[in-house]
Amino acid sequence: MSAKDARDRIADDAVAQRLLNLAFIFNTSTRPISTDEIVSDSDLGYGSTNRESEVRKFNRDRKKLSEQGIEIIPAPVELGAENEAALWALDRENTFAAGGIITPDDAALLAEAIDEYLSGKTSPLRTPLMRVRTKVAEVARSPQEPPAATAPASAHQAMLDTIWLAFSLHRTLSFSYTNARGETSRRSVQIFGIFTHEGATYIVGLDDASHALRTFRTDRMEQALRPGASYRIPDDFDIHEFLFMPFDFGGEEGVDATFSFPAESDAHALTHGRGAVSPAPDGSLRWTVRVRNLDAAAAFALEHARDGMRPCAPQALIDAWEAKIREAVETHEAR
């Protein structure tokens, strides 16, 4: 291979990488993305000091994506905005809308294969596969059959699909994240587990920024890049250690609280694998766990009082427990 051929190949690889990154970030973004955000982002494949050159590069990349059925269009802006093309978004209704890519017979075979694969089993790829099936079913439909009414996928659903894909392939996922304080940062996470709590979905994984296991709420994630390097989930990882309990939410810094319950109790059912359980001299069990809301921790113990659960320490937890008992008695007497 000549030096020129080698340079051309490297250039082609760089273009392909940018196109893939653009496709992923627009598919998962929950808001329009500005031109400045794109052309200054080295992770996407831009970021040189010549802004005009990067803008032209982005426009060429948008055209190439459009040729592949991925439509990135100016996002709606408020009336009177100075630059109507300053924000961009994925045209979810028209992306991949063109037909003729596969024949109806091929589409029918693909739909049957997806049904067979998903039949009677749980798969992390169920959501994206069902979206593929909806698309191919439209191609396989006979001319006489009326089209099914399908709504474009939401941006959050697209993010969830990307999360599931990265998790199932054990590939690192990079994304923009806004925490509860409104601070936004770029994160790169090896996803070890996924769970839901009170209608919200969370991921647990090794965070590149902190080099520690962290929990992220998926509806605060946006602009994910194409899944990157592979990783291995440690054998000793237990997602139960990260599941939320009622006392995990509060303004307090957090204290170690200790509860007791009978030795014959189902410790795992009560603790969900959180904290540390050890035998006490009197034969009962002691459970020590970090809590951020002592009042909620006292309420949790009261809910399981019939199981023999009692607060042991600190004194503030015992006081909160006794206050709740008095409140319950007074409410009952008032009736």
C-alpha atoms as a PDB file:
ATOM      1  CA  MET A   1       0.000   0.000   0.000  1.00  0.00           C
ATOM      2  CA  SER A   2       1.362   3.406  -0.995  1.00  0.00           C
ATOM      3  CA  ALA A   3       1.646   6.307   1.433  1.00  0.00           C
ATOM      4  CA  LYS A   4      -1.221   8.068  -0.356  1.00  0.00           C
ATOM      5  CA  ASP A   5      -3.456   4.977  -0.140  1.00  0.00           C
ATOM      6  CA  ALA A   6      -2.666   4.700   3.566  1.00  0.00           C
ATOM      7  CA  ARG A   7      -3.594   8.347   4.151  1.00  0.00           C
ATOM      8  CA  ASP A   8      -6.841   7.921   2.198  1.00  0.00           C
ATOM      9  CA  ARG A   9      -7.743   4.862   4.261  1.00  0.00           C
ATOM     10  CA  ILE A  10      -7.085   6.689   7.521  1.00  0.00           C
ATOM     11  CA  ALA A  11      -9.228   9.591   6.303  1.00  0.00           C
ATOM     12  CA  ASP A  12     -12.059   7.208   5.372  1.00  0.00           C
ATOM     13  CA  ASP A  13     -11.855   5.560   8.813  1.00  0.00           C
ATOM     14  CA  ALA A  14     -12.044   8.975  10.510  1.00  0.00           C
ATOM     15  CA  VAL A  15     -15.152   9.895   8.496  1.00  0.00           C
ATOM     16  CA  ALA A  16     -16.819   6.581   9.363  1.00  0.00           C
ATOM     17  CA  GLN A  17     -16.034   7.130  13.039  1.00  0.00           C
ATOM     18  CA  ARG A  18     -17.550  10.634  12.975  1.00  0.00           C
ATOM     19  CA  LEU A  19     -20.689   9.392  11.223  1.00  0.00           C
ATOM     20  CA  LEU A  20     -21.182   6.624  13.767  1.00  0.00           C
ATOM     21  CA  ASN A  21     -20.644   9.032  16.650  1.00  0.00           C
ATOM     22  CA  LEU A  22     -23.094  11.547  15.188  1.00  0.00           C
ATOM     23  CA  ALA A  23     -25.710   8.855  14.628  1.00  0.00           C
ATOM     24  CA  PHE A  24     -25.444   7.668  18.223  1.00  0.00           C
ATOM     25  CA  ILE A  25     -25.323  11.061  19.896  1.00  0.00           C
ATOM     26  CA  PHE A  26     -28.348  12.415  17.987  1.00  0.00           C
ATOM     27  CA  ASN A  27     -30.303   9.187  18.506  1.00  0.00           C
ATOM     28  CA  THR A  28     -29.817   9.359  22.275  1.00  0.00           C
ATOM     29  CA  SER A  29     -29.922  13.101  22.880  1.00  0.00           C
ATOM     30  CA  THR A  30     -32.962  14.299  24.815  1.00  0.00           C
ATOM     31  CA  ARG A  31     -32.558  17.885  23.573  1.00  0.00           C
ATOM     32  CA  PRO A  32     -31.377  19.701  20.442  1.00  0.00           C
ATOM     33  CA  ILE A  33     -27.602  20.002  20.039  1.00  0.00           C
ATOM     34  CA  SER A  34     -25.945  23.257  19.031  1.00  0.00           C
ATOM     35  CA  THR A  35     -23.450  23.632  16.207  1.00  0.00           C
ATOM     36  CA  ASP A  36     -20.831  24.836  18.679  1.00  0.00           C
ATOM     37  CA  GLU A  37     -21.268  21.734  20.838  1.00  0.00           C
ATOM     38  CA  ILE A  38     -20.650  19.493  17.841  1.00  0.00           C
ATOM     39  CA  VAL A  39     -17.747  21.209  16.132  1.00  0.00           C
ATOM     40  CA  SER A  40     -15.845  21.708  19.408  1.00  0.00           C
ATOM     41  CA  ASP A  41     -16.204  18.092  20.617  1.00  0.00           C
ATOM     42  CA  SER A  42     -13.037  16.068  20.012  1.00  0.00           C
ATOM     43  CA  ASP A  43     -14.824  12.901  21.183  1.00  0.00           C
ATOM     44  CA  LEU A  44     -17.087  13.205  18.136  1.00  0.00           C
ATOM     45  CA  GLY A  45     -14.140  13.640  15.774  1.00  0.00           C
ATOM     46  CA  TYR A  46     -14.149  17.434  15.444  1.00  0.00           C
ATOM     47  CA  GLY A  47     -12.515  20.039  17.703  1.00  0.00           C
ATOM     48  CA  SER A  48      -9.805  21.662  15.571  1.00  0.00           C
ATOM     49  CA  THR A  49      -9.006  25.350  16.035  1.00  0.00           C
ATOM     50  CA  ASN A  50     -10.466  26.190  12.592  1.00  0.00           C
ATOM     51  CA  ARG A  51     -14.164  26.489  13.398  1.00  0.00           C
ATOM     52  CA  GLU A  52     -15.292  27.263   9.843  1.00  0.00           C
ATOM     53  CA  SER A  53     -13.560  24.122   8.605  1.00  0.00           C
ATOM     54  CA  GLU A  54     -15.264  22.035  11.294  1.00  0.00           C
ATOM     55  CA  VAL A  55     -18.675  23.492  10.411  1.00  0.00           C
ATOM     56  CA  ARG A  56     -18.152  22.544   6.754  1.00  0.00           C
ATOM     57  CA  LYS A  57     -17.072  19.074   7.866  1.00  0.00           C
ATOM     58  CA  PHE A  58     -20.242  18.721   9.952  1.00  0.00           C
ATOM     59  CA  ASN A  59     -22.405  19.795   6.999  1.00  0.00           C
ATOM     60  CA  ARG A  60     -20.716  17.185   4.786  1.00  0.00           C
ATOM     61  CA  ASP A  61     -21.251  14.559   7.470  1.00  0.00           C
ATOM     62  CA  ARG A  62     -24.948  15.458   7.740  1.00  0.00           C
ATOM     63  CA  LYS A  63     -25.284  14.967   3.994  1.00  0.00           C
ATOM     64  CA  LYS A  64     -23.567  11.571   4.169  1.00  0.00           C
ATOM     65  CA  LEU A  65     -25.880  10.501   7.001  1.00  0.00           C
ATOM     66  CA  SER A  66     -28.886  11.655   5.000  1.00  0.00           C
ATOM     67  CA  GLU A  67     -27.771   9.403   2.129  1.00  0.00           C
ATOM     68  CA  GLN A  68     -27.986   6.510   4.613  1.00  0.00           C
ATOM     69  CA  GLY A  69     -31.482   7.475   5.777  1.00  0.00           C
ATOM     70  CA  ILE A  70     -30.437   9.342   8.944  1.00  0.00           C
ATOM     71  CA  GLU A  71     -31.897  12.852   8.837  1.00  0.00           C
ATOM     72  CA  ILE A  72     -30.355  15.540  11.072  1.00  0.00           C
ATOM     73  CA  ILE A  73     -32.381  18.715  10.676  1.00  0.00           C
ATOM     74  CA  PRO A  74     -32.520  22.218  12.214  1.00  0.00           C
ATOM     75  CA  ALA A  75     -34.431  22.030  15.470  1.00  0.00           C
ATOM     76  CA  PRO A  76     -37.467  24.262  15.986  1.00  0.00           C
ATOM     77  CA  VAL A  77     -36.437  27.580  17.546  1.00  0.00           C
ATOM     78  CA  GLU A  78     -38.311  30.436  19.104  1.00  0.00           C
ATOM     79  CA  LEU A  79     -39.648  33.081  16.749  1.00  0.00           C
ATOM     80  CA  GLY A  80     -37.071  35.784  16.145  1.00  0.00           C
ATOM     81  CA  ALA A  81     -33.994  33.685  16.908  1.00  0.00           C
ATOM     82  CA  GLU A  82     -30.925  35.073  15.153  1.00  0.00           C
ATOM     83  CA  ASN A  83     -29.586  31.785  13.818  1.00  0.00           C
ATOM     84  CA  GLU A  84     -32.245  29.274  12.872  1.00  0.00           C
ATOM     85  CA  ALA A  85     -29.645  26.564  12.178  1.00  0.00           C
ATOM     86  CA  ALA A  86     -27.845  26.906  15.521  1.00  0.00           C
ATOM     87  CA  LEU A  87     -29.596  23.846  16.962  1.00  0.00           C
ATOM     88  CA  TRP A  88     -29.899  20.395  15.414  1.00  0.00           C
ATOM     89  CA  ALA A  89     -32.009  17.315  16.107  1.00  0.00           C
ATOM     90  CA  LEU A  90     -32.727  13.894  14.657  1.00  0.00           C
ATOM     91  CA  ASP A  91     -35.829  13.790  12.456  1.00  0.00           C
ATOM     92  CA  ARG A  92     -37.230  10.685  14.159  1.00  0.00           C
ATOM     93  CA  GLU A  93     -40.316  10.514  11.968  1.00  0.00           C
ATOM     94  CA  ASN A  94     -38.460  10.424   8.651  1.00  0.00           C
ATOM     95  CA  THR A  95     -35.180   8.723   9.589  1.00  0.00           C
ATOM     96  CA  PHE A  96     -35.032   5.308   7.885  1.00  0.00           C
ATOM     97  CA  ALA A  97     -38.444   6.042   6.377  1.00  0.00           C
ATOM     98  CA  ALA A  98     -37.413   5.245   2.799  1.00  0.00           C
ATOM     99  CA  GLY A  99     -38.349   1.782   1.599  1.00  0.00           C
ATOM    100  CA  GLY A 100     -36.728  -0.616  -0.846  1.00  0.00           C
ATOM    101  CA  ILE A 101     -33.764  -1.575   1.350  1.00  0.00           C
ATOM    102  CA  ILE A 102     -34.993  -5.152   1.848  1.00  0.00           C
ATOM    103  CA  THR A 103     -37.680  -7.116   0.017  1.00  0.00           C
ATOM    104  CA  PRO A 104     -41.045  -7.954   1.645  1.00  0.00           C
ATOM    105  CA  ASP A 105     -40.112 -11.663   1.706  1.00  0.00           C
ATOM    106  CA  ASP A 106     -36.805 -10.929   3.455  1.00  0.00           C
ATOM    107  CA  ALA A 107     -38.609  -8.660   5.934  1.00  0.00           C
ATOM    108  CA  ALA A 108     -41.138 -11.396   6.733  1.00  0.00           C
ATOM    109  CA  LEU A 109     -38.330 -13.890   7.377  1.00  0.00           C
ATOM    110  CA  LEU A 110     -36.551 -11.394   9.630  1.00  0.00           C
ATOM    111  CA  ALA A 111     -39.738 -10.722  11.622  1.00  0.00           C
ATOM    112  CA  GLU A 112     -40.246 -14.477  12.108  1.00  0.00           C
ATOM    113  CA  ALA A 113     -36.635 -14.897  13.231  1.00  0.00           C
ATOM    114  CA  ILE A 114     -37.048 -12.120  15.822  1.00  0.00           C
ATOM    115  CA  ASP A 115     -40.270 -13.715  17.108  1.00  0.00           C
ATOM    116  CA  GLU A 116     -38.568 -17.093  17.418  1.00  0.00           C
ATOM    117  CA  TYR A 117     -35.564 -15.619  19.235  1.00  0.00           C
ATOM    118  CA  LEU A 118     -37.714 -13.721  21.758  1.00  0.00           C
ATOM    119  CA  SER A 119     -40.273 -16.507  22.265  1.00  0.00           C
ATOM    120  CA  GLY A 120     -40.343 -17.634  25.900  1.00  0.00           C
ATOM    121  CA  LYS A 121     -37.137 -15.902  26.943  1.00  0.00           C
ATOM    122  CA  THR A 122     -35.969 -12.668  28.491  1.00  0.00           C
ATOM    123  CA  SER A 123     -33.321 -10.805  26.559  1.00  0.00           C
ATOM    124  CA  PRO A 124     -31.596  -7.458  27.129  1.00  0.00           C
ATOM    125  CA  LEU A 125     -32.088  -6.862  23.405  1.00  0.00           C
ATOM    126  CA  ARG A 126     -35.891  -7.253  23.541  1.00  0.00           C
ATOM    127  CA  THR A 127     -36.636  -3.514  23.224  1.00  0.00           C
ATOM    128  CA  PRO A 128     -34.374  -2.757  20.236  1.00  0.00           C
ATOM    129  CA  LEU A 129     -35.364  -6.015  18.523  1.00  0.00           C
ATOM    130  CA  MET A 130     -39.056  -5.215  18.879  1.00  0.00           C
ATOM    131  CA  ARG A 131     -38.422  -1.809  17.306  1.00  0.00           C
ATOM    132  CA  VAL A 132     -36.642  -3.530  14.398  1.00  0.00           C
ATOM    133  CA  ARG A 133     -39.560  -5.939  14.090  1.00  0.00           C
ATOM    134  CA  THR A 134     -42.029  -3.043  13.829  1.00  0.00           C
ATOM    135  CA  LYS A 135     -40.006  -1.568  10.947  1.00  0.00           C
ATOM    136  CA  VAL A 136     -39.645  -4.837   9.014  1.00  0.00           C
ATOM    137  CA  ALA A 137     -43.309  -5.690   9.555  1.00  0.00           C
ATOM    138  CA  GLU A 138     -44.194  -2.508   7.689  1.00  0.00           C
ATOM    139  CA  VAL A 139     -42.069  -3.687   4.750  1.00  0.00           C
ATOM    140  CA  ALA A 140     -43.529  -7.208   4.849  1.00  0.00           C
ATOM    141  CA  ARG A 141     -47.145  -5.952   4.947  1.00  0.00           C
ATOM    142  CA  SER A 142     -49.247  -6.714   1.885  1.00  0.00           C
ATOM    143  CA  PRO A 143     -50.520  -3.732  -0.206  1.00  0.00           C
ATOM    144  CA  GLN A 144     -54.100  -4.455   0.889  1.00  0.00           C
ATOM    145  CA  GLU A 145     -53.253  -4.438   4.620  1.00  0.00           C
ATOM    146  CA  PRO A 146     -53.678  -1.043   6.280  1.00  0.00           C
ATOM    147  CA  PRO A 147     -50.535   0.367   7.924  1.00  0.00           C
ATOM    148  CA  ALA A 148     -50.166  -0.018  11.677  1.00  0.00           C
ATOM    149  CA  ALA A 149     -50.311   3.176  13.716  1.00  0.00           C
ATOM    150  CA  THR A 150     -46.859   3.575  15.249  1.00  0.00           C
ATOM    151  CA  ALA A 151     -45.442   6.609  17.006  1.00  0.00           C
ATOM    152  CA  PRO A 152     -41.796   7.626  16.610  1.00  0.00           C
ATOM    153  CA  ALA A 153     -39.574   6.348  19.400  1.00  0.00           C
ATOM    154  CA  SER A 154     -38.922   8.845  22.159  1.00  0.00           C
ATOM    155  CA  ALA A 155     -35.437  10.167  22.837  1.00  0.00           C
ATOM    156  CA  HIS A 156     -35.403   8.542  26.288  1.00  0.00           C
ATOM    157  CA  GLN A 157     -36.392   5.182  24.803  1.00  0.00           C
ATOM    158  CA  ALA A 158     -33.543   5.539  22.317  1.00  0.00           C
ATOM    159  CA  MET A 159     -31.183   6.172  25.243  1.00  0.00           C
ATOM    160  CA  LEU A 160     -32.508   3.079  27.030  1.00  0.00           C
ATOM    161  CA  ASP A 161     -31.946   1.028  23.881  1.00  0.00           C
ATOM    162  CA  THR A 162     -28.337   2.214  23.695  1.00  0.00           C
ATOM    163  CA  ILE A 163     -27.814   1.454  27.406  1.00  0.00           C
ATOM    164  CA  TRP A 164     -29.157  -2.075  26.973  1.00  0.00           C
ATOM    165  CA  LEU A 165     -26.987  -2.589  23.913  1.00  0.00           C
ATOM    166  CA  ALA A 166     -23.815  -1.436  25.691  1.00  0.00           C
ATOM    167  CA  PHE A 167     -24.656  -3.547  28.748  1.00  0.00           C
ATOM    168  CA  SER A 168     -25.450  -6.693  26.764  1.00  0.00           C
ATOM    169  CA  LEU A 169     -22.221  -6.380  24.757  1.00  0.00           C
ATOM    170  CA  HIS A 170     -20.165  -5.334  27.824  1.00  0.00           C
ATOM    171  CA  ARG A 171     -18.977  -2.196  26.058  1.00  0.00           C
ATOM    172  CA  THR A 172     -18.087   1.054  27.823  1.00  0.00           C
ATOM    173  CA  LEU A 173     -20.698   3.785  27.311  1.00  0.00           C
ATOM    174  CA  SER A 174     -19.806   7.490  27.154  1.00  0.00           C
ATOM    175  CA  PHE A 175     -22.561  10.042  27.701  1.00  0.00           C
ATOM    176  CA  SER A 176     -23.390  13.498  28.994  1.00  0.00           C
ATOM    177  CA  TYR A 177     -24.865  13.464  32.515  1.00  0.00           C
ATOM    178  CA  THR A 178     -26.653  16.145  34.539  1.00  0.00           C
ATOM    179  CA  ASN A 179     -26.781  15.435  38.272  1.00  0.00           C
ATOM    180  CA  ALA A 180     -29.457  16.498  40.773  1.00  0.00           C
ATOM    181  CA  ARG A 181     -27.638  19.823  41.330  1.00  0.00           C
ATOM    182  CA  GLY A 182     -27.856  20.690  37.631  1.00  0.00           C
ATOM    183  CA  GLU A 183     -24.140  20.109  36.975  1.00  0.00           C
ATOM    184  CA  THR A 184     -23.377  18.548  33.564  1.00  0.00           C
ATOM    185  CA  SER A 185     -20.297  16.454  32.780  1.00  0.00           C
ATOM    186  CA  ARG A 186     -19.084  13.879  30.278  1.00  0.00           C
ATOM    187  CA  ARG A 187     -18.906  10.380  31.812  1.00  0.00           C
ATOM    188  CA  SER A 188     -17.574   7.043  30.608  1.00  0.00           C
ATOM    189  CA  VAL A 189     -19.015   4.028  32.451  1.00  0.00           C
ATOM    190  CA  GLN A 190     -18.639   0.248  32.384  1.00  0.00           C
ATOM    191  CA  ILE A 191     -22.236  -0.830  33.104  1.00  0.00           C
ATOM    192  CA  PHE A 192     -22.361  -3.685  35.652  1.00  0.00           C
ATOM    193  CA  GLY A 193     -26.113  -3.711  36.296  1.00  0.00           C
ATOM    194  CA  ILE A 194     -29.480  -2.049  35.643  1.00  0.00           C
ATOM    195  CA  PHE A 195     -32.455  -1.676  37.992  1.00  0.00           C
ATOM    196  CA  THR A 196     -35.642   0.349  38.409  1.00  0.00           C
ATOM    197  CA  HIS A 197     -36.945   2.233  41.442  1.00  0.00           C
ATOM    198  CA  GLU A 198     -40.294   4.026  41.681  1.00  0.00           C
ATOM    199  CA  GLY A 199     -40.665   4.218  37.905  1.00  0.00           C
ATOM    200  CA  ALA A 200     -37.107   5.416  37.178  1.00  0.00           C
ATOM    201  CA  THR A 201     -34.320   3.324  35.632  1.00  0.00           C
ATOM    202  CA  TYR A 202     -30.763   3.373  37.000  1.00  0.00           C
ATOM    203  CA  ILE A 203     -27.432   1.929  35.906  1.00  0.00           C
ATOM    204  CA  VAL A 204     -24.591   0.870  38.211  1.00  0.00           C
ATOM    205  CA  GLY A 205     -21.062   0.771  36.867  1.00  0.00           C
ATOM    206  CA  LEU A 206     -17.401   1.691  37.074  1.00  0.00           C
ATOM    207  CA  ASP A 207     -17.140   5.425  36.439  1.00  0.00           C
ATOM    208  CA  ASP A 208     -13.995   6.519  34.613  1.00  0.00           C
ATOM    209  CA  ALA A 209     -14.038   9.980  36.234  1.00  0.00           C
ATOM    210  CA  SER A 210     -14.098   8.787  39.861  1.00  0.00           C
ATOM    211  CA  HIS A 211     -12.563   5.309  39.332  1.00  0.00           C
ATOM    212  CA  ALA A 212     -15.320   3.955  41.576  1.00  0.00           C
ATOM    213  CA  LEU A 213     -18.708   2.266  41.297  1.00  0.00           C
ATOM    214  CA  ARG A 214     -21.424   4.860  40.825  1.00  0.00           C
ATOM    215  CA  THR A 215     -25.192   4.902  40.204  1.00  0.00           C
ATOM    216  CA  PHE A 216     -26.662   7.026  37.380  1.00  0.00           C
ATOM    217  CA  ARG A 217     -30.307   7.796  36.652  1.00  0.00           C
ATOM    218  CA  THR A 218     -31.023   7.176  32.966  1.00  0.00           C
ATOM    219  CA  ASP A 219     -33.388  10.116  32.458  1.00  0.00           C
ATOM    220  CA  ARG A 220     -30.450  12.403  33.348  1.00  0.00           C
ATOM    221  CA  MET A 221     -28.274  10.813  30.659  1.00  0.00           C
ATOM    222  CA  GLU A 222     -28.117  12.199  27.127  1.00  0.00           C
ATOM    223  CA  GLN A 223     -25.927  12.361  24.025  1.00  0.00           C
ATOM    224  CA  ALA A 224     -24.438   8.869  24.297  1.00  0.00           C
ATOM    225  CA  LEU A 225     -21.604   7.951  21.956  1.00  0.00           C
ATOM    226  CA  ARG A 226     -21.207   4.603  20.228  1.00  0.00           C
ATOM    227  CA  PRO A 227     -20.318   1.892  22.808  1.00  0.00           C
ATOM    228  CA  GLY A 228     -16.527   1.645  23.102  1.00  0.00           C
ATOM    229  CA  ALA A 229     -13.970  -0.634  24.742  1.00  0.00           C
ATOM    230  CA  SER A 230     -14.999  -4.007  26.134  1.00  0.00           C
ATOM    231  CA  TYR A 231     -14.889  -4.879  29.833  1.00  0.00           C
ATOM    232  CA  ARG A 232     -15.617  -7.735  32.232  1.00  0.00           C
ATOM    233  CA  ILE A 233     -18.053  -7.554  35.156  1.00  0.00           C
ATOM    234  CA  PRO A 234     -16.279  -8.650  38.367  1.00  0.00           C
ATOM    235  CA  ASP A 235     -17.435 -12.013  39.773  1.00  0.00           C
ATOM    236  CA  ASP A 236     -18.083 -10.469  43.199  1.00  0.00           C
ATOM    237  CA  PHE A 237     -20.332  -7.671  41.888  1.00  0.00           C
ATOM    238  CA  ASP A 238     -23.772  -7.786  43.543  1.00  0.00           C
ATOM    239  CA  ILE A 239     -26.344  -5.275  42.344  1.00  0.00           C
ATOM    240  CA  HIS A 240     -28.350  -5.759  45.557  1.00  0.00           C
ATOM    241  CA  GLU A 241     -25.749  -3.605  47.310  1.00  0.00           C
ATOM    242  CA  PHE A 242     -26.864  -0.662  45.159  1.00  0.00           C
ATOM    243  CA  LEU A 243     -30.643  -1.017  45.273  1.00  0.00           C
ATOM    244  CA  PHE A 244     -32.345   1.926  46.936  1.00  0.00           C
ATOM    245  CA  MET A 245     -34.074   1.667  50.308  1.00  0.00           C
ATOM    246  CA  PRO A 246     -36.580   4.204  51.734  1.00  0.00           C
ATOM    247  CA  PHE A 247     -33.882   5.723  53.974  1.00  0.00           C
ATOM    248  CA  ASP A 248     -31.454   6.364  51.075  1.00  0.00           C
ATOM    249  CA  PHE A 249     -33.079   9.689  50.222  1.00  0.00           C
ATOM    250  CA  GLY A 250     -32.588  12.713  52.453  1.00  0.00           C
ATOM    251  CA  GLY A 251     -30.520  15.788  53.142  1.00  0.00           C
ATOM    252  CA  GLU A 252     -28.365  14.166  55.818  1.00  0.00           C
ATOM    253  CA  GLU A 253     -24.769  13.101  55.205  1.00  0.00           C
ATOM    254  CA  GLY A 254     -25.538   9.571  56.323  1.00  0.00           C
ATOM    255  CA  VAL A 255     -24.863   7.584  59.522  1.00  0.00           C
ATOM    256  CA  ASP A 256     -24.388   3.907  60.310  1.00  0.00           C
ATOM    257  CA  ALA A 257     -27.607   2.524  61.801  1.00  0.00           C
ATOM    258  CA  THR A 258     -27.966  -0.867  63.506  1.00  0.00           C
ATOM    259  CA  PHE A 259     -31.115  -2.987  63.693  1.00  0.00           C
ATOM    260  CA  SER A 260     -31.802  -6.352  65.306  1.00  0.00           C
ATOM    261  CA  PHE A 261     -34.073  -9.175  64.235  1.00  0.00           C
ATOM    262  CA  PRO A 262     -34.509 -12.839  65.240  1.00  0.00           C
ATOM    263  CA  ALA A 263     -31.956 -15.388  64.060  1.00  0.00           C
ATOM    264  CA  GLU A 264     -34.645 -17.323  62.156  1.00  0.00           C
ATOM    265  CA  SER A 265     -35.561 -14.260  60.075  1.00  0.00           C
ATOM    266  CA  ASP A 266     -34.884 -14.161  56.338  1.00  0.00           C
ATOM    267  CA  ALA A 267     -31.969 -11.709  56.474  1.00  0.00           C
ATOM    268  CA  HIS A 268     -31.697 -11.309  52.695  1.00  0.00           C
ATOM    269  CA  ALA A 269     -35.397 -10.471  52.309  1.00  0.00           C
ATOM    270  CA  LEU A 270     -35.116  -7.754  54.963  1.00  0.00           C
ATOM    271  CA  THR A 271     -31.749  -6.290  53.985  1.00  0.00           C
ATOM    272  CA  HIS A 272     -31.770  -6.852  50.197  1.00  0.00           C
ATOM    273  CA  GLY A 273     -28.088  -7.691  50.503  1.00  0.00           C
ATOM    274  CA  ARG A 274     -27.244  -4.215  51.806  1.00  0.00           C
ATOM    275  CA  GLY A 275     -24.938  -3.507  54.724  1.00  0.00           C
ATOM    276  CA  ALA A 276     -23.477  -6.153  57.051  1.00  0.00           C
ATOM    277  CA  VAL A 277     -25.325  -8.822  59.049  1.00  0.00           C
ATOM    278  CA  SER A 278     -23.639 -10.494  62.034  1.00  0.00           C
ATOM    279  CA  PRO A 279     -24.751 -12.673  64.972  1.00  0.00           C
ATOM    280  CA  ALA A 280     -25.181 -11.046  68.402  1.00  0.00           C
ATOM    281  CA  PRO A 281     -24.283 -12.669  71.781  1.00  0.00           C
ATOM    282  CA  ASP A 282     -27.986 -13.168  72.586  1.00  0.00           C
ATOM    283  CA  GLY A 283     -28.483 -15.230  69.421  1.00  0.00           C
ATOM    284  CA  SER A 284     -30.260 -12.531  67.414  1.00  0.00           C
ATOM    285  CA  LEU A 285     -28.906 -10.912  64.247  1.00  0.00           C
ATOM    286  CA  ARG A 286     -27.542  -7.388  63.925  1.00  0.00           C
ATOM    287  CA  TRP A 287     -27.798  -5.465  60.679  1.00  0.00           C
ATOM    288  CA  THR A 288     -25.652  -2.366  60.195  1.00  0.00           C
ATOM    289  CA  VAL A 289     -26.328  -0.178  57.174  1.00  0.00           C
ATOM    290  CA  ARG A 290     -25.705   3.407  56.079  1.00  0.00           C
ATOM    291  CA  VAL A 291     -28.841   5.585  56.205  1.00  0.00           C
ATOM    292  CA  ARG A 292     -29.397   9.180  55.105  1.00  0.00           C
ATOM    293  CA  ASN A 293     -32.825   9.682  56.660  1.00  0.00           C
ATOM    294  CA  LEU A 294     -33.276   8.484  60.256  1.00  0.00           C
ATOM    295  CA  ASP A 295     -37.009   9.162  60.214  1.00  0.00           C
ATOM    296  CA  ALA A 296     -37.453   6.974  57.122  1.00  0.00           C
ATOM    297  CA  ALA A 297     -35.224   4.310  58.695  1.00  0.00           C
ATOM    298  CA  ALA A 298     -37.423   4.285  61.813  1.00  0.00           C
ATOM    299  CA  ALA A 299     -40.534   3.956  59.619  1.00  0.00           C
ATOM    300  CA  PHE A 300     -38.885   1.069  57.748  1.00  0.00           C
ATOM    301  CA  ALA A 301     -38.190  -0.743  61.042  1.00  0.00           C
ATOM    302  CA  LEU A 302     -41.771  -0.146  62.177  1.00  0.00           C
ATOM    303  CA  GLU A 303     -43.094  -1.688  58.947  1.00  0.00           C
ATOM    304  CA  HIS A 304     -41.142  -4.854  59.787  1.00  0.00           C
ATOM    305  CA  ALA A 305     -41.855  -4.847  63.525  1.00  0.00           C
ATOM    306  CA  ARG A 306     -43.950  -7.992  63.141  1.00  0.00           C
ATOM    307  CA  ASP A 307     -40.830  -9.699  61.801  1.00  0.00           C
ATOM    308  CA  GLY A 308     -39.090  -8.846  65.071  1.00  0.00           C
ATOM    309  CA  MET A 309     -37.076  -5.946  63.673  1.00  0.00           C
ATOM    310  CA  ARG A 310     -35.970  -3.335  66.220  1.00  0.00           C
ATOM    311  CA  PRO A 311     -33.648  -0.277  66.073  1.00  0.00           C
ATOM    312  CA  CYS A 312     -30.469  -0.513  68.187  1.00  0.00           C
ATOM    313  CA  ALA A 313     -28.336   2.525  67.340  1.00  0.00           C
ATOM    314  CA  PRO A 314     -27.799   5.434  67.157  1.00  0.00           C
ATOM    315  CA  GLN A 315     -29.992   6.929  69.882  1.00  0.00           C
ATOM    316  CA  ALA A 316     -31.528   9.363  67.379  1.00  0.00           C
ATOM    317  CA  LEU A 317     -32.870   6.371  65.439  1.00  0.00           C
ATOM    318  CA  ILE A 318     -34.379   4.888  68.606  1.00  0.00           C
ATOM    319  CA  ASP A 319     -35.952   8.240  69.459  1.00  0.00           C
ATOM    320  CA  ALA A 320     -37.489   8.467  65.966  1.00  0.00           C
ATOM    321  CA  TRP A 321     -38.825   4.899  66.352  1.00  0.00           C
ATOM    322  CA  GLU A 322     -40.446   5.675  69.719  1.00  0.00           C
ATOM    323  CA  ALA A 323     -41.934   8.892  68.345  1.00  0.00           C
ATOM    324  CA  LYS A 324     -43.574   6.972  65.510  1.00  0.00           C
ATOM    325  CA  ILE A 325     -45.015   4.443  67.961  1.00  0.00           C
ATOM    326  CA  ARG A 326     -46.485   7.265  70.091  1.00  0.00           C
ATOM    327  CA  GLU A 327     -47.918   8.876  66.961  1.00  0.00           C
ATOM    328  CA  ALA A 328     -49.523   5.597  65.898  1.00  0.00           C
ATOM    329  CA  VAL A 329     -51.026   5.051  69.387  1.00  0.00           C
ATOM    330  CA  GLU A 330     -52.401   8.597  69.581  1.00  0.00           C
ATOM    331  CA  THR A 331     -53.944   8.278  66.117  1.00  0.00           C
ATOM    332  CA  HIS A 332     -55.583   4.995  67.122  1.00  0.00           C
ATOM    333  CA  GLU A 333     -56.935   6.425  70.396  1.00  0.00           C
ATOM    334  CA  ALA A 334     -58.309   9.464  68.591  1.00  0.00           C
ATOM    335  CA  ARG A 335     -60.518   7.166  66.547  1.00  0.00           C
END
